[in-house]
Amino acid sequence: MSVGVLDFLEVWWCSVEDLLNAGGVSGRFARSPLFLLNSYCSINLRRGEVEADLLVWESGEAELSTTELNGIVKQHFDNVQELPNLILVLSKMSSLAVFDQK
């Protein structure tokens, strides 16, 4: 049985939430209502003025918006169901929230 990308992200969030909070990163995870045709989840991480918002649809498309010291950066990903793309998104998001941008 394979795990969908939304389920994977929820498990990932549950595994890192306490670690991020302990490091001064606030965050939240939310899922869309189950009845939607192309359900989604969102993850928000924030530390000081740095923020990362990730929206991932069950289809595998994703949008990552980051508020960094030099402005807002938006990236679109066609398929985060492919492991290299998912790793790229999660590492980008985590590094922005965890590491000091000064």
C-alpha atoms as a PDB file:
ATOM      1  CA  MET A   1       0.000   0.000   0.000  1.00  0.00           C
ATOM      2  CA  SER A   2       1.438   3.366  -0.948  1.00  0.00           C
ATOM      3  CA  VAL A   3       1.114   6.509   1.136  1.00  0.00           C
ATOM      4  CA  GLY A   4      -0.243   9.602  -0.573  1.00  0.00           C
ATOM      5  CA  VAL A   5       1.687  12.857  -0.509  1.00  0.00           C
ATOM      6  CA  LEU A   6      -0.825  14.522   1.841  1.00  0.00           C
ATOM      7  CA  ASP A   7      -0.617  11.670   4.346  1.00  0.00           C
ATOM      8  CA  PHE A   8       3.176  11.749   4.111  1.00  0.00           C
ATOM      9  CA  LEU A   9       3.259  15.479   4.816  1.00  0.00           C
ATOM     10  CA  GLU A  10       0.965  15.079   7.808  1.00  0.00           C
ATOM     11  CA  VAL A  11       3.214  12.381   9.273  1.00  0.00           C
ATOM     12  CA  TRP A  12       6.285  14.536   8.523  1.00  0.00           C
ATOM     13  CA  TRP A  13       4.659  17.506  10.273  1.00  0.00           C
ATOM     14  CA  CYS A  14       3.785  15.428  13.353  1.00  0.00           C
ATOM     15  CA  SER A  15       7.387  14.227  13.537  1.00  0.00           C
ATOM     16  CA  VAL A  16       9.022  17.682  13.340  1.00  0.00           C
ATOM     17  CA  GLU A  17       6.507  20.030  14.989  1.00  0.00           C
ATOM     18  CA  ASP A  18       7.956  19.751  18.513  1.00  0.00           C
ATOM     19  CA  LEU A  19      11.529  20.085  17.249  1.00  0.00           C
ATOM     20  CA  LEU A  20      10.689  23.214  15.281  1.00  0.00           C
ATOM     21  CA  ASN A  21       8.779  24.742  18.200  1.00  0.00           C
ATOM     22  CA  ALA A  22      11.725  24.056  20.515  1.00  0.00           C
ATOM     23  CA  GLY A  23      13.944  25.926  18.049  1.00  0.00           C
ATOM     24  CA  GLY A  24      11.720  29.001  18.032  1.00  0.00           C
ATOM     25  CA  VAL A  25       9.811  28.173  14.849  1.00  0.00           C
ATOM     26  CA  SER A  26       6.042  28.481  14.994  1.00  0.00           C
ATOM     27  CA  GLY A  27       3.995  26.518  12.537  1.00  0.00           C
ATOM     28  CA  ARG A  28       0.718  24.967  11.590  1.00  0.00           C
ATOM     29  CA  PHE A  29      -0.580  22.148   9.422  1.00  0.00           C
ATOM     30  CA  ALA A  30      -4.075  21.988   7.911  1.00  0.00           C
ATOM     31  CA  ARG A  31      -5.923  19.700   5.507  1.00  0.00           C
ATOM     32  CA  SER A  32      -8.818  20.472   3.228  1.00  0.00           C
ATOM     33  CA  PRO A  33     -12.230  18.868   3.764  1.00  0.00           C
ATOM     34  CA  LEU A  34     -12.212  15.239   2.635  1.00  0.00           C
ATOM     35  CA  PHE A  35     -15.026  15.668   0.103  1.00  0.00           C
ATOM     36  CA  LEU A  36     -12.987  17.857  -2.274  1.00  0.00           C
ATOM     37  CA  LEU A  37     -12.084  16.316  -5.619  1.00  0.00           C
ATOM     38  CA  ASN A  38      -8.435  17.446  -5.437  1.00  0.00           C
ATOM     39  CA  SER A  39      -7.824  17.759  -1.713  1.00  0.00           C
ATOM     40  CA  TYR A  40      -4.837  19.643  -0.346  1.00  0.00           C
ATOM     41  CA  CYS A  41      -2.841  20.430   2.745  1.00  0.00           C
ATOM     42  CA  SER A  42      -0.976  23.500   3.868  1.00  0.00           C
ATOM     43  CA  ILE A  43       2.041  23.982   6.086  1.00  0.00           C
ATOM     44  CA  ASN A  44       3.178  27.325   7.449  1.00  0.00           C
ATOM     45  CA  LEU A  45       6.491  27.893   9.223  1.00  0.00           C
ATOM     46  CA  ARG A  46       7.535  31.212  10.731  1.00  0.00           C
ATOM     47  CA  ARG A  47      10.565  32.450  12.620  1.00  0.00           C
ATOM     48  CA  GLY A  48      10.870  36.169  13.159  1.00  0.00           C
ATOM     49  CA  GLU A  49      10.393  37.928   9.829  1.00  0.00           C
ATOM     50  CA  VAL A  50      11.019  34.769   7.792  1.00  0.00           C
ATOM     51  CA  GLU A  51       7.966  32.770   6.738  1.00  0.00           C
ATOM     52  CA  ALA A  52       7.296  29.804   4.464  1.00  0.00           C
ATOM     53  CA  ASP A  53       3.865  28.744   3.184  1.00  0.00           C
ATOM     54  CA  LEU A  54       3.465  25.438   1.376  1.00  0.00           C
ATOM     55  CA  LEU A  55       0.269  24.360  -0.359  1.00  0.00           C
ATOM     56  CA  VAL A  56       0.234  20.822  -1.785  1.00  0.00           C
ATOM     57  CA  TRP A  57      -2.591  19.222  -3.741  1.00  0.00           C
ATOM     58  CA  GLU A  58      -3.251  15.494  -3.838  1.00  0.00           C
ATOM     59  CA  SER A  59      -2.452  15.638  -7.564  1.00  0.00           C
ATOM     60  CA  GLY A  60       1.164  16.417  -6.614  1.00  0.00           C
ATOM     61  CA  GLU A  61       1.242  20.075  -7.601  1.00  0.00           C
ATOM     62  CA  ALA A  62       2.594  22.460  -4.998  1.00  0.00           C
ATOM     63  CA  GLU A  63       3.137  26.155  -4.392  1.00  0.00           C
ATOM     64  CA  LEU A  64       5.822  27.406  -2.029  1.00  0.00           C
ATOM     65  CA  SER A  65       5.782  31.064  -1.001  1.00  0.00           C
ATOM     66  CA  THR A  66       8.582  32.343   1.167  1.00  0.00           C
ATOM     67  CA  THR A  67       8.927  35.710   2.806  1.00  0.00           C
ATOM     68  CA  GLU A  68      12.619  36.327   3.177  1.00  0.00           C
ATOM     69  CA  LEU A  69      14.677  39.359   4.081  1.00  0.00           C
ATOM     70  CA  ASN A  70      14.930  40.264   0.392  1.00  0.00           C
ATOM     71  CA  GLY A  71      11.194  39.926  -0.368  1.00  0.00           C
ATOM     72  CA  ILE A  72       8.596  37.341  -1.334  1.00  0.00           C
ATOM     73  CA  VAL A  73       9.610  34.388  -3.496  1.00  0.00           C
ATOM     74  CA  LYS A  74       7.018  32.076  -5.082  1.00  0.00           C
ATOM     75  CA  GLN A  75       7.824  28.703  -6.614  1.00  0.00           C
ATOM     76  CA  HIS A  76       5.583  26.206  -8.383  1.00  0.00           C
ATOM     77  CA  PHE A  77       6.313  22.471  -8.441  1.00  0.00           C
ATOM     78  CA  ASP A  78       4.555  20.169 -10.894  1.00  0.00           C
ATOM     79  CA  ASN A  79       5.004  16.919  -8.993  1.00  0.00           C
ATOM     80  CA  VAL A  80       6.111  16.666  -5.382  1.00  0.00           C
ATOM     81  CA  GLN A  81       5.044  13.033  -5.436  1.00  0.00           C
ATOM     82  CA  GLU A  82       8.497  12.458  -6.907  1.00  0.00           C
ATOM     83  CA  LEU A  83      10.866  12.126  -3.958  1.00  0.00           C
ATOM     84  CA  PRO A  84      13.606  14.522  -5.183  1.00  0.00           C
ATOM     85  CA  ASN A  85      11.027  17.308  -5.610  1.00  0.00           C
ATOM     86  CA  LEU A  86       9.476  16.645  -2.199  1.00  0.00           C
ATOM     87  CA  ILE A  87      12.892  16.668  -0.516  1.00  0.00           C
ATOM     88  CA  LEU A  88      13.742  19.958  -2.257  1.00  0.00           C
ATOM     89  CA  VAL A  89      10.523  21.621  -1.069  1.00  0.00           C
ATOM     90  CA  LEU A  90      10.770  20.404   2.528  1.00  0.00           C
ATOM     91  CA  SER A  91      14.458  21.254   2.863  1.00  0.00           C
ATOM     92  CA  LYS A  92      13.946  24.747   1.397  1.00  0.00           C
ATOM     93  CA  MET A  93      11.030  25.366   3.700  1.00  0.00           C
ATOM     94  CA  SER A  94      12.774  24.048   6.790  1.00  0.00           C
ATOM     95  CA  SER A  95      16.047  25.869   6.157  1.00  0.00           C
ATOM     96  CA  LEU A  96      14.270  29.199   5.767  1.00  0.00           C
ATOM     97  CA  ALA A  97      12.479  28.811   9.051  1.00  0.00           C
ATOM     98  CA  VAL A  98      15.305  27.281  11.061  1.00  0.00           C
ATOM     99  CA  PHE A  99      18.431  29.168  10.019  1.00  0.00           C
ATOM    100  CA  ASP A 100      18.995  32.807  10.849  1.00  0.00           C
ATOM    101  CA  GLN A 101      18.802  34.860   7.649  1.00  0.00           C
ATOM    102  CA  LYS A 102      20.912  37.785   8.941  1.00  0.00           C
END
